[in-house]
Protein backbone atom coordinates (compact mmCIF):
# COMPACT_ATOMS: atom_id res chain seq x y z
CA MET A 1 2.83 -199.04 87.56
CA LYS A 2 4.22 -196.81 90.32
CA SER A 3 6.14 -194.81 87.43
CA LEU A 4 2.84 -194.81 85.19
CA GLU A 5 0.97 -193.67 88.40
CA GLN A 6 2.75 -190.54 88.77
CA LEU A 7 3.05 -189.61 85.70
CA GLY A 8 -0.33 -189.52 85.48
CA ARG A 9 -0.58 -187.43 88.87
CA VAL A 10 1.14 -184.69 87.12
CA ARG A 11 -0.81 -181.03 87.33
CA LEU A 12 -0.65 -179.58 83.65
CA SER A 13 -2.65 -176.59 85.10
CA ARG A 14 -5.69 -175.53 87.26
CA HIS A 15 -8.45 -178.58 85.88
CA PHE A 16 -6.11 -180.56 83.64
CA PHE A 17 -3.67 -183.68 85.21
CA MET A 18 -1.45 -185.99 82.46
CA ARG A 19 -4.32 -188.90 83.68
CA ASP A 20 -6.54 -186.95 81.45
CA PHE A 21 -4.24 -187.05 78.18
CA LEU A 22 -3.32 -190.78 77.83
CA HIS A 23 -6.66 -192.47 77.31
CA SER A 24 -6.48 -194.11 73.92
CA GLU A 25 -9.29 -196.79 72.25
CA ILE A 26 -5.74 -197.94 69.99
CA SER A 27 -4.05 -198.78 73.19
CA GLN A 28 -6.97 -201.06 74.57
CA MET A 29 -7.49 -202.48 72.19
CA LYS A 30 -3.97 -203.50 71.23
CA ALA A 31 -2.98 -203.59 74.86
CA VAL A 32 -0.25 -201.06 74.25
CA PRO A 33 0.95 -199.12 77.21
CA ASN A 34 0.55 -195.54 75.41
CA VAL A 35 3.12 -193.61 77.62
CA PRO A 36 6.08 -191.12 76.59
CA ASP A 37 9.67 -192.27 75.72
CA TYR A 38 10.34 -188.72 77.17
CA PRO A 39 7.89 -187.84 79.64
CA ASP A 40 9.51 -184.67 80.75
CA ARG A 41 9.09 -183.65 76.90
CA ALA A 42 5.58 -184.34 76.72
CA ILE A 43 4.45 -182.89 80.22
CA GLU A 44 6.06 -179.12 79.43
CA ALA A 45 4.02 -179.57 76.02
CA GLY A 46 1.05 -180.31 77.70
CA ARG A 47 1.33 -177.53 79.92
CA SER A 48 0.85 -174.96 77.52
CA LEU A 49 -1.59 -177.10 75.53
CA CYS A 50 -3.51 -177.07 79.04
CA GLU A 51 -2.44 -173.07 80.51
CA GLU A 52 -2.86 -171.27 76.78
CA LEU A 53 -5.57 -173.27 75.14
CA LEU A 54 -7.92 -175.74 77.29
CA GLU A 55 -7.74 -173.54 80.14
CA PRO A 56 -8.71 -170.27 78.54
CA LEU A 57 -11.94 -172.41 76.55
CA GLN A 58 -13.12 -174.00 80.12
CA GLU A 59 -13.24 -170.85 81.68
CA ARG A 60 -15.58 -169.11 79.42
CA PHE A 61 -18.15 -172.26 77.83
CA GLY A 62 -17.65 -174.65 80.83
CA ARG A 63 -16.08 -178.30 81.10
CA ILE A 64 -14.79 -179.28 78.05
CA ALA A 65 -14.40 -183.06 76.95
CA ILE A 66 -11.23 -184.25 75.72
CA ARG A 67 -11.74 -187.32 73.23
CA SER A 68 -7.84 -187.83 72.13
CA ALA A 69 -4.44 -186.47 72.99
CA TYR A 70 -1.33 -187.84 73.97
CA ARG A 71 -0.53 -190.43 71.67
CA SER A 72 2.79 -192.41 72.15
CA PRO A 73 5.19 -193.08 68.73
CA THR A 74 3.94 -196.63 69.06
CA ILE A 75 0.25 -195.66 69.35
CA ASN A 76 0.38 -193.16 66.41
CA ALA A 77 2.08 -195.65 64.08
CA ILE A 78 -0.36 -198.72 64.81
CA GLY A 79 -2.70 -195.60 64.18
CA ALA A 80 -1.19 -195.10 60.89
CA GLU A 81 0.04 -198.17 59.46
CA ASN A 82 -1.95 -200.36 56.78
CA GLY A 83 -3.62 -196.85 54.86
CA ASN A 84 -4.10 -195.24 57.65
CA GLN A 85 -6.12 -197.13 59.40
CA PHE A 86 -7.38 -195.61 62.47
CA SER A 87 -7.57 -192.30 61.03
CA CYS A 88 -3.80 -190.84 62.41
CA ALA A 89 -1.38 -189.33 60.13
CA SER A 90 2.38 -190.25 60.76
CA ASN A 91 4.65 -189.96 63.22
CA ASP A 92 6.80 -187.66 61.20
CA ALA A 93 3.43 -185.63 60.50
CA ASN A 94 2.02 -185.91 64.26
CA ASN A 95 5.54 -184.81 65.94
CA GLY A 96 4.62 -181.47 68.03
CA HIS A 97 1.08 -182.48 67.39
CA HIS A 98 -0.66 -185.62 69.14
CA ILE A 99 2.55 -186.75 69.88
CA TRP A 100 3.83 -184.19 72.57
CA ASP A 101 7.11 -185.90 73.56
CA TYR A 102 9.08 -185.40 70.24
CA PRO A 103 9.33 -181.78 67.99
CA ASP A 104 8.26 -181.42 64.76
CA ALA A 105 10.10 -181.46 61.97
CA GLN A 106 11.37 -177.66 62.46
CA GLY A 107 12.67 -178.38 65.67
CA HIS A 108 9.34 -177.09 67.65
CA ALA A 109 7.72 -178.62 70.63
CA GLY A 110 4.29 -178.77 70.25
CA ALA A 111 0.78 -180.84 71.83
CA THR A 112 -2.75 -181.67 70.48
CA ALA A 113 -5.67 -182.47 71.79
CA CYS A 114 -9.20 -183.33 70.22
CA ILE A 115 -11.99 -182.03 72.23
CA VAL A 116 -15.65 -181.68 72.51
CA VAL A 117 -16.84 -178.45 73.24
CA PRO A 118 -20.93 -179.20 74.57
CA ALA A 119 -21.72 -175.61 75.22
CA LEU A 120 -22.09 -175.53 71.09
CA LEU A 121 -23.90 -178.98 71.38
CA GLU A 122 -26.85 -177.47 70.94
CA ARG A 123 -26.16 -174.61 67.94
CA TYR A 124 -24.49 -177.57 66.18
CA GLU A 125 -27.11 -179.77 66.21
CA ALA A 126 -29.91 -177.10 64.98
CA CYS A 127 -28.61 -176.03 62.52
CA GLY A 128 -24.85 -177.99 61.83
CA ASP A 129 -23.25 -175.03 62.81
CA TRP A 130 -19.45 -175.35 64.21
CA THR A 131 -17.92 -171.72 63.09
CA PRO A 132 -18.91 -169.39 65.84
CA LEU A 133 -16.56 -171.53 68.64
CA ALA A 134 -13.83 -171.58 65.57
CA TRP A 135 -13.65 -167.76 64.82
CA TRP A 136 -13.93 -166.95 68.41
CA ILE A 137 -10.90 -169.39 69.35
CA HIS A 138 -8.98 -167.56 66.36
CA ASP A 139 -10.11 -164.15 68.16
CA ASN A 140 -8.86 -165.24 71.52
CA LEU A 141 -6.61 -168.03 71.78
CA PRO A 142 -2.67 -168.55 70.95
CA TYR A 143 -3.46 -171.90 68.89
CA THR A 144 -2.29 -173.07 66.47
CA SER A 145 -3.93 -175.67 64.06
CA GLN A 146 -7.71 -176.43 64.30
CA VAL A 147 -9.23 -179.37 62.37
CA TRP A 148 -13.04 -179.90 62.89
CA PHE A 149 -14.92 -183.55 62.20
CA PRO A 150 -18.65 -183.76 61.98
CA THR A 151 -19.34 -186.01 65.28
CA LEU A 152 -20.02 -184.19 67.79
CA ALA A 153 -18.15 -180.96 66.66
CA ALA A 154 -15.07 -182.55 67.99
CA PHE A 155 -11.94 -180.80 66.98
CA ASN A 156 -8.06 -181.19 66.79
CA LEU A 157 -6.51 -177.71 68.50
CA ARG A 158 -2.86 -177.77 68.81
CA TRP A 159 -0.23 -174.95 70.57
CA SER A 160 3.33 -174.75 68.80
CA ALA A 161 6.59 -173.62 70.57
CA ASN A 162 6.99 -171.86 66.64
CA PRO A 163 6.62 -168.22 67.12
CA ASP A 164 6.05 -167.78 63.91
CA ARG A 165 3.18 -169.86 64.07
CA ARG A 166 0.16 -169.09 60.99
CA PRO A 167 -3.26 -169.93 62.54
CA THR A 168 -5.15 -172.68 60.05
CA ILE A 169 -8.53 -174.06 60.80
CA ARG A 170 -9.49 -176.39 58.39
CA THR A 171 -12.63 -178.92 58.61
CA TYR A 172 -14.82 -181.91 57.38
CA VAL A 173 -17.84 -180.59 57.95
CA THR A 174 -19.81 -177.75 55.98
CA ASN A 175 -19.77 -174.52 56.64
CA PRO A 176 -23.34 -173.77 57.29
CA HIS A 177 -22.88 -169.48 56.14
CA THR A 178 -21.01 -171.14 52.89
CA GLY A 179 -22.06 -174.37 51.84
CA ASN A 180 -18.41 -175.63 51.33
CA LYS A 181 -15.55 -176.92 53.17
CA ARG A 182 -13.17 -174.41 52.89
CA ALA A 183 -10.49 -173.66 55.18
CA LEU A 184 -12.15 -170.61 58.23
CA VAL A 185 -8.02 -169.78 57.68
CA ASP A 186 -5.39 -171.07 55.60
CA LYS A 187 -1.74 -169.75 57.06
CA GLY A 188 -3.15 -166.62 59.07
CA VAL A 189 -5.09 -165.53 55.72
CA GLU A 190 -8.94 -165.42 56.97
CA SER A 191 -11.66 -166.58 54.94
CA MET A 192 -13.80 -163.76 56.39
CA SER A 193 -13.28 -160.47 57.62
CA ARG A 194 -13.80 -159.78 61.47
CA ASP A 195 -16.88 -157.84 60.58
CA GLN A 196 -18.68 -160.06 58.65
CA ARG A 197 -17.85 -163.11 61.55
CA ASP A 198 -18.40 -161.44 64.94
CA PRO A 199 -22.24 -161.33 64.50
CA ILE A 200 -22.03 -165.72 63.87
CA VAL A 201 -20.11 -166.01 67.43
CA GLU A 202 -22.35 -163.18 68.90
CA ALA A 203 -25.69 -164.05 67.73
CA TRP A 204 -24.06 -167.63 69.36
CA LEU A 205 -22.84 -166.22 72.66
CA ASP A 206 -25.92 -164.45 73.16
CA SER A 207 -27.88 -167.58 73.02
CA LEU A 208 -25.68 -169.48 75.92
């Protein structure tokens, strides 16, 4: 218990602590602790996620809400078993993503958090448009991937130490500008030019 308390108190960045990222519904439901095998690795990856992505987001748009983030290999395996029963990819796929303390298949550290940005919700609820924030992140932050979901315009935001990263933005939400769910960015290839997407972003920013 003492060790878990100390882990939760580790400050990852100005506004975020490790405890913010350890909540798991699977952990609660199954009564299995969501604790990293290698805390130092999880802390290191989490610090990069917070400092490079989450802090700049919160500074620009106000408080962000963490929906889910770190998963231990045990918790992730429970979520992935029985045909992906709790919408978790396999451990191999989630290493360097939601499993912060194990590197990805290429040996790179990484960390993912599923977040909600309340500043986007009014626009999203009015017209279903989530793309302004996705494009703002693309043009301003060193992310590796975004994956967008329909409920609350939540999205997975990933940081990776891979120096050759090619960013991707995938979605399970229809893009109101195209009427489809095609990737906004696929391995670095953008679906819209800067001149095309800037007016979308600026119209949202002006409304804040």
